[in-house]
Amino acid sequence: MNKTQLIESISSEAGISRGEAKRSLEAFMKITTAALISGEKVTLAGFGTFAIERKHARTGRDPRNGAPIRIAAKNVVKFRPGTELSEAVK
């Protein structure tokens, strides 16, 4: 499902216009991004939690020639599904 399809589904499920659904989804994405940037977790009870995890610098291999390369440390977004979501997709 892509963003356009998600907006259409939200519109149908919530009984709102596609414009309202799009603004709601974009607001959710903006607020979630801002919270993660500031170091907060975003928890949706029953659905899951978005959080930032720090990946430490490490040595990897250049796939073209096998030479060792240094991979810089970085932050990555992790999603941990809640119990209800996990049970629903079993």
PDB file of N, CA and C in Angstrom:
ATOM      1  N   MET A   1       0.857  -1.169   0.000  1.00  0.00           N
ATOM      2  CA  MET A   1       0.000   0.000   0.000  1.00  0.00           C
ATOM      3  C   MET A   1       0.902   1.229   0.000  1.00  0.00           C
ATOM      4  N   ASN A   2       0.656   2.150  -0.919  1.00  0.00           N
ATOM      5  CA  ASN A   2       1.437   3.380  -0.949  1.00  0.00           C
ATOM      6  C   ASN A   2       0.667   4.513  -0.259  1.00  0.00           C
ATOM      7  N   LYS A   3       1.254   5.693  -0.231  1.00  0.00           N
ATOM      8  CA  LYS A   3       0.664   6.819   0.488  1.00  0.00           C
ATOM      9  C   LYS A   3      -0.711   7.186  -0.070  1.00  0.00           C
ATOM     10  N   THR A   4      -0.846   7.212  -1.389  1.00  0.00           N
ATOM     11  CA  THR A   4      -2.126   7.564  -2.009  1.00  0.00           C
ATOM     12  C   THR A   4      -3.204   6.557  -1.630  1.00  0.00           C
ATOM     13  N   GLN A   5      -2.863   5.280  -1.655  1.00  0.00           N
ATOM     14  CA  GLN A   5      -3.826   4.243  -1.278  1.00  0.00           C
ATOM     15  C   GLN A   5      -4.176   4.336   0.209  1.00  0.00           C
ATOM     16  N   LEU A   6      -3.200   4.654   1.037  1.00  0.00           N
ATOM     17  CA  LEU A   6      -3.456   4.811   2.464  1.00  0.00           C
ATOM     18  C   LEU A   6      -4.402   5.981   2.712  1.00  0.00           C
ATOM     19  N   ILE A   7      -4.195   7.086   2.026  1.00  0.00           N
ATOM     20  CA  ILE A   7      -5.076   8.249   2.165  1.00  0.00           C
ATOM     21  C   ILE A   7      -6.498   7.881   1.769  1.00  0.00           C
ATOM     22  N   GLU A   8      -6.652   7.142   0.682  1.00  0.00           N
ATOM     23  CA  GLU A   8      -7.970   6.707   0.230  1.00  0.00           C
ATOM     24  C   GLU A   8      -8.631   5.802   1.269  1.00  0.00           C
ATOM     25  N   SER A   9      -7.866   4.896   1.854  1.00  0.00           N
ATOM     26  CA  SER A   9      -8.393   3.993   2.880  1.00  0.00           C
ATOM     27  C   SER A   9      -8.802   4.743   4.135  1.00  0.00           C
ATOM     28  N   ILE A  10      -7.979   5.700   4.554  1.00  0.00           N
ATOM     29  CA  ILE A  10      -8.318   6.521   5.731  1.00  0.00           C
ATOM     30  C   ILE A  10      -9.598   7.290   5.464  1.00  0.00           C
ATOM     31  N   SER A  11      -9.703   7.872   4.277  1.00  0.00           N
ATOM     32  CA  SER A  11     -10.887   8.640   3.886  1.00  0.00           C
ATOM     33  C   SER A  11     -12.143   7.780   3.979  1.00  0.00           C
ATOM     34  N   SER A  12     -12.081   6.578   3.423  1.00  0.00           N
ATOM     35  CA  SER A  12     -13.241   5.680   3.432  1.00  0.00           C
ATOM     36  C   SER A  12     -13.582   5.209   4.844  1.00  0.00           C
ATOM     37  N   GLU A  13     -12.565   4.773   5.574  1.00  0.00           N
ATOM     38  CA  GLU A  13     -12.784   4.211   6.917  1.00  0.00           C
ATOM     39  C   GLU A  13     -13.311   5.256   7.900  1.00  0.00           C
ATOM     40  N   ALA A  14     -12.779   6.474   7.822  1.00  0.00           N
ATOM     41  CA  ALA A  14     -13.152   7.528   8.776  1.00  0.00           C
ATOM     42  C   ALA A  14     -14.337   8.376   8.301  1.00  0.00           C
ATOM     43  N   GLY A  15     -14.730   8.193   7.045  1.00  0.00           N
ATOM     44  CA  GLY A  15     -15.848   8.981   6.522  1.00  0.00           C
ATOM     45  C   GLY A  15     -15.500  10.452   6.368  1.00  0.00           C
ATOM     46  N   ILE A  16     -14.262  10.728   5.965  1.00  0.00           N
ATOM     47  CA  ILE A  16     -13.826  12.110   5.751  1.00  0.00           C
ATOM     48  C   ILE A  16     -13.354  12.259   4.310  1.00  0.00           C
ATOM     49  N   SER A  17     -13.166  13.496   3.886  1.00  0.00           N
ATOM     50  CA  SER A  17     -12.714  13.729   2.519  1.00  0.00           C
ATOM     51  C   SER A  17     -11.264  13.278   2.353  1.00  0.00           C
ATOM     52  N   ARG A  18     -10.876  13.060   1.102  1.00  0.00           N
ATOM     53  CA  ARG A  18      -9.479  12.676   0.845  1.00  0.00           C
ATOM     54  C   ARG A  18      -8.536  13.803   1.277  1.00  0.00           C
ATOM     55  N   GLY A  19      -8.953  15.051   1.106  1.00  0.00           N
ATOM     56  CA  GLY A  19      -8.131  16.185   1.531  1.00  0.00           C
ATOM     57  C   GLY A  19      -7.886  16.184   3.026  1.00  0.00           C
ATOM     58  N   GLU A  20      -8.951  15.910   3.789  1.00  0.00           N
ATOM     59  CA  GLU A  20      -8.800  15.845   5.246  1.00  0.00           C
ATOM     60  C   GLU A  20      -7.921  14.662   5.646  1.00  0.00           C
ATOM     61  N   ALA A  21      -8.106  13.539   4.979  1.00  0.00           N
ATOM     62  CA  ALA A  21      -7.289  12.360   5.273  1.00  0.00           C
ATOM     63  C   ALA A  21      -5.829  12.639   4.961  1.00  0.00           C
ATOM     64  N   LYS A  22      -5.568  13.310   3.832  1.00  0.00           N
ATOM     65  CA  LYS A  22      -4.191  13.638   3.457  1.00  0.00           C
ATOM     66  C   LYS A  22      -3.562  14.574   4.485  1.00  0.00           C
ATOM     67  N   ARG A  23      -4.294  15.608   4.895  1.00  0.00           N
ATOM     68  CA  ARG A  23      -3.761  16.544   5.897  1.00  0.00           C
ATOM     69  C   ARG A  23      -3.504  15.840   7.226  1.00  0.00           C
ATOM     70  N   SER A  24      -4.387  14.926   7.597  1.00  0.00           N
ATOM     71  CA  SER A  24      -4.210  14.184   8.851  1.00  0.00           C
ATOM     72  C   SER A  24      -2.974  13.297   8.799  1.00  0.00           C
ATOM     73  N   LEU A  25      -2.815  12.571   7.702  1.00  0.00           N
ATOM     74  CA  LEU A  25      -1.653  11.699   7.553  1.00  0.00           C
ATOM     75  C   LEU A  25      -0.364  12.512   7.527  1.00  0.00           C
ATOM     76  N   GLU A  26      -0.356  13.614   6.790  1.00  0.00           N
ATOM     77  CA  GLU A  26       0.845  14.455   6.726  1.00  0.00           C
ATOM     78  C   GLU A  26       1.166  15.068   8.075  1.00  0.00           C
ATOM     79  N   ALA A  27       0.132  15.438   8.850  1.00  0.00           N
ATOM     80  CA  ALA A  27       0.356  15.968  10.197  1.00  0.00           C
ATOM     81  C   ALA A  27       0.960  14.888  11.092  1.00  0.00           C
ATOM     82  N   PHE A  28       0.433  13.659  10.995  1.00  0.00           N
ATOM     83  CA  PHE A  28       0.976  12.546  11.775  1.00  0.00           C
ATOM     84  C   PHE A  28       2.443  12.322  11.433  1.00  0.00           C
ATOM     85  N   MET A  29       2.756  12.318  10.146  1.00  0.00           N
ATOM     86  CA  MET A  29       4.141  12.098   9.712  1.00  0.00           C
ATOM     87  C   MET A  29       5.053  13.218  10.206  1.00  0.00           C
ATOM     88  N   LYS A  30       4.594  14.458  10.130  1.00  0.00           N
ATOM     89  CA  LYS A  30       5.398  15.608  10.563  1.00  0.00           C
ATOM     90  C   LYS A  30       5.645  15.564  12.072  1.00  0.00           C
ATOM     91  N   ILE A  31       4.601  15.291  12.835  1.00  0.00           N
ATOM     92  CA  ILE A  31       4.711  15.255  14.295  1.00  0.00           C
ATOM     93  C   ILE A  31       5.587  14.084  14.739  1.00  0.00           C
ATOM     94  N   THR A  32       5.417  12.926  14.111  1.00  0.00           N
ATOM     95  CA  THR A  32       6.224  11.755  14.441  1.00  0.00           C
ATOM     96  C   THR A  32       7.691  12.017  14.136  1.00  0.00           C
ATOM     97  N   THR A  33       7.968  12.605  12.977  1.00  0.00           N
ATOM     98  CA  THR A  33       9.346  12.921  12.604  1.00  0.00           C
ATOM     99  C   THR A  33       9.975  13.883  13.606  1.00  0.00           C
ATOM    100  N   ALA A  34       9.242  14.933  13.963  1.00  0.00           N
ATOM    101  CA  ALA A  34       9.764  15.912  14.919  1.00  0.00           C
ATOM    102  C   ALA A  34      10.042  15.266  16.275  1.00  0.00           C
ATOM    103  N   ALA A  35       9.152  14.401  16.724  1.00  0.00           N
ATOM    104  CA  ALA A  35       9.346  13.731  18.009  1.00  0.00           C
ATOM    105  C   ALA A  35      10.584  12.840  17.971  1.00  0.00           C
ATOM    106  N   LEU A  36      10.754  12.094  16.892  1.00  0.00           N
ATOM    107  CA  LEU A  36      11.920  11.213  16.777  1.00  0.00           C
ATOM    108  C   LEU A  36      13.216  12.017  16.714  1.00  0.00           C
ATOM    109  N   ILE A  37      13.209  13.126  15.983  1.00  0.00           N
ATOM    110  CA  ILE A  37      14.399  13.981  15.893  1.00  0.00           C
ATOM    111  C   ILE A  37      14.786  14.502  17.270  1.00  0.00           C
ATOM    112  N   SER A  38      13.772  14.813  18.099  1.00  0.00           N
ATOM    113  CA  SER A  38      14.069  15.334  19.432  1.00  0.00           C
ATOM    114  C   SER A  38      14.368  14.228  20.445  1.00  0.00           C
ATOM    115  N   GLY A  39      14.396  12.980  19.987  1.00  0.00           N
ATOM    116  CA  GLY A  39      14.772  11.882  20.872  1.00  0.00           C
ATOM    117  C   GLY A  39      13.630  11.196  21.585  1.00  0.00           C
ATOM    118  N   GLU A  40      12.407  11.565  21.270  1.00  0.00           N
ATOM    119  CA  GLU A  40      11.244  10.951  21.908  1.00  0.00           C
ATOM    120  C   GLU A  40      10.832   9.681  21.174  1.00  0.00           C
ATOM    121  N   LYS A  41      10.158   8.789  21.894  1.00  0.00           N
ATOM    122  CA  LYS A  41       9.506   7.633  21.291  1.00  0.00           C
ATOM    123  C   LYS A  41       8.079   8.037  20.944  1.00  0.00           C
ATOM    124  N   VAL A  42       7.514   7.408  19.942  1.00  0.00           N
ATOM    125  CA  VAL A  42       6.112   7.619  19.603  1.00  0.00           C
ATOM    126  C   VAL A  42       5.418   6.271  19.752  1.00  0.00           C
ATOM    127  N   THR A  43       4.532   6.173  20.752  1.00  0.00           N
ATOM    128  CA  THR A  43       3.856   4.920  21.053  1.00  0.00           C
ATOM    129  C   THR A  43       2.374   5.040  20.765  1.00  0.00           C
ATOM    130  N   LEU A  44       1.876   4.119  19.961  1.00  0.00           N
ATOM    131  CA  LEU A  44       0.451   4.027  19.664  1.00  0.00           C
ATOM    132  C   LEU A  44      -0.033   2.724  20.280  1.00  0.00           C
ATOM    133  N   ALA A  45      -0.742   2.826  21.404  1.00  0.00           N
ATOM    134  CA  ALA A  45      -1.166   1.641  22.158  1.00  0.00           C
ATOM    135  C   ALA A  45      -1.885   0.658  21.250  1.00  0.00           C
ATOM    136  N   GLY A  46      -1.457  -0.591  21.324  1.00  0.00           N
ATOM    137  CA  GLY A  46      -2.052  -1.641  20.528  1.00  0.00           C
ATOM    138  C   GLY A  46      -1.497  -1.746  19.121  1.00  0.00           C
ATOM    139  N   PHE A  47      -0.798  -0.725  18.664  1.00  0.00           N
ATOM    140  CA  PHE A  47      -0.242  -0.735  17.308  1.00  0.00           C
ATOM    141  C   PHE A  47       1.266  -0.944  17.338  1.00  0.00           C
ATOM    142  N   GLY A  48       1.975  -0.052  18.033  1.00  0.00           N
ATOM    143  CA  GLY A  48       3.422  -0.213  18.128  1.00  0.00           C
ATOM    144  C   GLY A  48       4.122   1.062  18.529  1.00  0.00           C
ATOM    145  N   THR A  49       5.457   1.003  18.511  1.00  0.00           N
ATOM    146  CA  THR A  49       6.288   2.120  18.943  1.00  0.00           C
ATOM    147  C   THR A  49       7.363   2.422  17.908  1.00  0.00           C
ATOM    148  N   PHE A  50       7.479   3.691  17.561  1.00  0.00           N
ATOM    149  CA  PHE A  50       8.567   4.173  16.721  1.00  0.00           C
ATOM    150  C   PHE A  50       9.625   4.752  17.651  1.00  0.00           C
ATOM    151  N   ALA A  51      10.882   4.414  17.433  1.00  0.00           N
ATOM    152  CA  ALA A  51      11.964   4.936  18.270  1.00  0.00           C
ATOM    153  C   ALA A  51      13.239   5.032  17.440  1.00  0.00           C
ATOM    154  N   ILE A  52      14.160   5.862  17.918  1.00  0.00           N
ATOM    155  CA  ILE A  52      15.468   6.009  17.278  1.00  0.00           C
ATOM    156  C   ILE A  52      16.446   5.066  17.971  1.00  0.00           C
ATOM    157  N   GLU A  53      17.234   4.383  17.185  1.00  0.00           N
ATOM    158  CA  GLU A  53      18.292   3.514  17.714  1.00  0.00           C
ATOM    159  C   GLU A  53      19.610   3.951  17.079  1.00  0.00           C
ATOM    160  N   ARG A  54      20.651   4.020  17.875  1.00  0.00           N
ATOM    161  CA  ARG A  54      21.974   4.421  17.391  1.00  0.00           C
ATOM    162  C   ARG A  54      22.730   3.209  16.870  1.00  0.00           C
ATOM    163  N   LYS A  55      23.154   3.271  15.632  1.00  0.00           N
ATOM    164  CA  LYS A  55      24.008   2.232  15.055  1.00  0.00           C
ATOM    165  C   LYS A  55      25.444   2.729  15.170  1.00  0.00           C
ATOM    166  N   HIS A  56      26.292   1.970  15.814  1.00  0.00           N
ATOM    167  CA  HIS A  56      27.677   2.364  16.009  1.00  0.00           C
ATOM    168  C   HIS A  56      28.475   2.232  14.714  1.00  0.00           C
ATOM    169  N   ALA A  57      29.554   2.982  14.633  1.00  0.00           N
ATOM    170  CA  ALA A  57      30.450   2.875  13.479  1.00  0.00           C
ATOM    171  C   ALA A  57      31.015   1.461  13.433  1.00  0.00           C
ATOM    172  N   ARG A  58      31.236   0.977  12.220  1.00  0.00           N
ATOM    173  CA  ARG A  58      31.761  -0.376  12.078  1.00  0.00           C
ATOM    174  C   ARG A  58      32.545  -0.496  10.786  1.00  0.00           C
ATOM    175  N   THR A  59      33.261  -1.570  10.674  1.00  0.00           N
ATOM    176  CA  THR A  59      34.007  -1.851   9.456  1.00  0.00           C
ATOM    177  C   THR A  59      33.165  -2.772   8.577  1.00  0.00           C
ATOM    178  N   GLY A  60      33.068  -2.409   7.306  1.00  0.00           N
ATOM    179  CA  GLY A  60      32.341  -3.224   6.340  1.00  0.00           C
ATOM    180  C   GLY A  60      33.247  -3.560   5.176  1.00  0.00           C
ATOM    181  N   ARG A  61      32.679  -4.075   4.114  1.00  0.00           N
ATOM    182  CA  ARG A  61      33.430  -4.437   2.909  1.00  0.00           C
ATOM    183  C   ARG A  61      32.824  -3.745   1.704  1.00  0.00           C
ATOM    184  N   ASP A  62      33.681  -3.195   0.853  1.00  0.00           N
ATOM    185  CA  ASP A  62      33.252  -2.620  -0.419  1.00  0.00           C
ATOM    186  C   ASP A  62      32.839  -3.791  -1.317  1.00  0.00           C
ATOM    187  N   PRO A  63      31.568  -3.836  -1.763  1.00  0.00           N
ATOM    188  CA  PRO A  63      31.120  -4.987  -2.556  1.00  0.00           C
ATOM    189  C   PRO A  63      31.791  -5.095  -3.929  1.00  0.00           C
ATOM    190  N   ARG A  64      32.347  -4.006  -4.410  1.00  0.00           N
ATOM    191  CA  ARG A  64      32.999  -4.044  -5.727  1.00  0.00           C
ATOM    192  C   ARG A  64      34.348  -4.736  -5.704  1.00  0.00           C
ATOM    193  N   ASN A  65      35.095  -4.522  -4.605  1.00  0.00           N
ATOM    194  CA  ASN A  65      36.453  -5.082  -4.589  1.00  0.00           C
ATOM    195  C   ASN A  65      36.821  -5.797  -3.288  1.00  0.00           C
ATOM    196  N   GLY A  66      35.904  -5.834  -2.334  1.00  0.00           N
ATOM    197  CA  GLY A  66      36.161  -6.541  -1.086  1.00  0.00           C
ATOM    198  C   GLY A  66      37.045  -5.800  -0.099  1.00  0.00           C
ATOM    199  N   ALA A  67      37.470  -4.575  -0.445  1.00  0.00           N
ATOM    200  CA  ALA A  67      38.332  -3.803   0.447  1.00  0.00           C
ATOM    201  C   ALA A  67      37.558  -3.364   1.691  1.00  0.00           C
ATOM    202  N   PRO A  68      38.217  -3.336   2.844  1.00  0.00           N
ATOM    203  CA  PRO A  68      37.536  -2.870   4.056  1.00  0.00           C
ATOM    204  C   PRO A  68      37.223  -1.376   3.953  1.00  0.00           C
ATOM    205  N   ILE A  69      36.035  -1.006   4.422  1.00  0.00           N
ATOM    206  CA  ILE A  69      35.640   0.408   4.472  1.00  0.00           C
ATOM    207  C   ILE A  69      35.045   0.700   5.838  1.00  0.00           C
ATOM    208  N   ARG A  70      35.113   1.940   6.242  1.00  0.00           N
ATOM    209  CA  ARG A  70      34.568   2.369   7.537  1.00  0.00           C
ATOM    210  C   ARG A  70      33.146   2.864   7.309  1.00  0.00           C
ATOM    211  N   ILE A  71      32.196   2.283   8.007  1.00  0.00           N
ATOM    212  CA  ILE A  71      30.805   2.697   7.933  1.00  0.00           C
ATOM    213  C   ILE A  71      30.542   3.582   9.146  1.00  0.00           C
ATOM    214  N   ALA A  72      30.116   4.800   8.891  1.00  0.00           N
ATOM    215  CA  ALA A  72      29.926   5.785   9.953  1.00  0.00           C
ATOM    216  C   ALA A  72      28.748   5.416  10.863  1.00  0.00           C
ATOM    217  N   ALA A  73      28.816   5.895  12.086  1.00  0.00           N
ATOM    218  CA  ALA A  73      27.709   5.731  13.027  1.00  0.00           C
ATOM    219  C   ALA A  73      26.525   6.546  12.521  1.00  0.00           C
ATOM    220  N   LYS A  74      25.321   6.068  12.828  1.00  0.00           N
ATOM    221  CA  LYS A  74      24.136   6.818  12.416  1.00  0.00           C
ATOM    222  C   LYS A  74      22.939   6.401  13.258  1.00  0.00           C
ATOM    223  N   ASN A  75      21.920   7.250  13.238  1.00  0.00           N
ATOM    224  CA  ASN A  75      20.658   6.948  13.892  1.00  0.00           C
ATOM    225  C   ASN A  75      19.729   6.300  12.873  1.00  0.00           C
ATOM    226  N   VAL A  76      18.985   5.284  13.306  1.00  0.00           N
ATOM    227  CA  VAL A  76      18.004   4.637  12.449  1.00  0.00           C
ATOM    228  C   VAL A  76      16.670   4.569  13.183  1.00  0.00           C
ATOM    229  N   VAL A  77      15.588   4.600  12.418  1.00  0.00           N
ATOM    230  CA  VAL A  77      14.252   4.495  13.000  1.00  0.00           C
ATOM    231  C   VAL A  77      13.903   3.019  13.118  1.00  0.00           C
ATOM    232  N   LYS A  78      13.425   2.643  14.282  1.00  0.00           N
ATOM    233  CA  LYS A  78      12.973   1.269  14.522  1.00  0.00           C
ATOM    234  C   LYS A  78      11.484   1.298  14.849  1.00  0.00           C
ATOM    235  N   PHE A  79      10.773   0.297  14.365  1.00  0.00           N
ATOM    236  CA  PHE A  79       9.364   0.134  14.715  1.00  0.00           C
ATOM    237  C   PHE A  79       9.209  -1.203  15.412  1.00  0.00           C
ATOM    238  N   ARG A  80       8.608  -1.166  16.577  1.00  0.00           N
ATOM    239  CA  ARG A  80       8.343  -2.397  17.316  1.00  0.00           C
ATOM    240  C   ARG A  80       6.828  -2.565  17.408  1.00  0.00           C
ATOM    241  N   PRO A  81       6.303  -3.598  16.782  1.00  0.00           N
ATOM    242  CA  PRO A  81       4.855  -3.775  16.782  1.00  0.00           C
ATOM    243  C   PRO A  81       4.328  -4.086  18.176  1.00  0.00           C
ATOM    244  N   GLY A  82       3.117  -3.588  18.438  1.00  0.00           N
ATOM    245  CA  GLY A  82       2.451  -3.881  19.699  1.00  0.00           C
ATOM    246  C   GLY A  82       1.854  -5.275  19.671  1.00  0.00           C
ATOM    247  N   THR A  83       1.390  -5.727  20.815  1.00  0.00           N
ATOM    248  CA  THR A  83       0.830  -7.071  20.944  1.00  0.00           C
ATOM    249  C   THR A  83      -0.358  -7.281  20.017  1.00  0.00           C
ATOM    250  N   GLU A  84      -1.263  -6.317  19.973  1.00  0.00           N
ATOM    251  CA  GLU A  84      -2.461  -6.480  19.141  1.00  0.00           C
ATOM    252  C   GLU A  84      -2.107  -6.601  17.663  1.00  0.00           C
ATOM    253  N   LEU A  85      -1.187  -5.783  17.188  1.00  0.00           N
ATOM    254  CA  LEU A  85      -0.766  -5.853  15.790  1.00  0.00           C
ATOM    255  C   LEU A  85      -0.069  -7.183  15.508  1.00  0.00           C
ATOM    256  N   SER A  86       0.799  -7.584  16.396  1.00  0.00           N
ATOM    257  CA  SER A  86       1.511  -8.853  16.220  1.00  0.00           C
ATOM    258  C   SER A  86       0.539 -10.029  16.160  1.00  0.00           C
ATOM    259  N   GLU A  87      -0.446 -10.022  17.035  1.00  0.00           N
ATOM    260  CA  GLU A  87      -1.440 -11.100  17.043  1.00  0.00           C
ATOM    261  C   GLU A  87      -2.296 -11.081  15.775  1.00  0.00           C
ATOM    262  N   ALA A  88      -2.612  -9.895  15.278  1.00  0.00           N
ATOM    263  CA  ALA A  88      -3.473  -9.774  14.101  1.00  0.00           C
ATOM    264  C   ALA A  88      -2.822 -10.308  12.831  1.00  0.00           C
ATOM    265  N   VAL A  89      -1.513 -10.218  12.742  1.00  0.00           N
ATOM    266  CA  VAL A  89      -0.839 -10.641  11.510  1.00  0.00           C
ATOM    267  C   VAL A  89      -0.270 -12.056  11.579  1.00  0.00           C
ATOM    268  N   LYS A  90      -0.485 -12.745  12.669  1.00  0.00           N
ATOM    269  CA  LYS A  90       0.027 -14.131  12.795  1.00  0.00           C
ATOM    270  C   LYS A  90      -0.569 -15.010  11.730  1.00  0.00           C
TER     271      LYS A  90
END
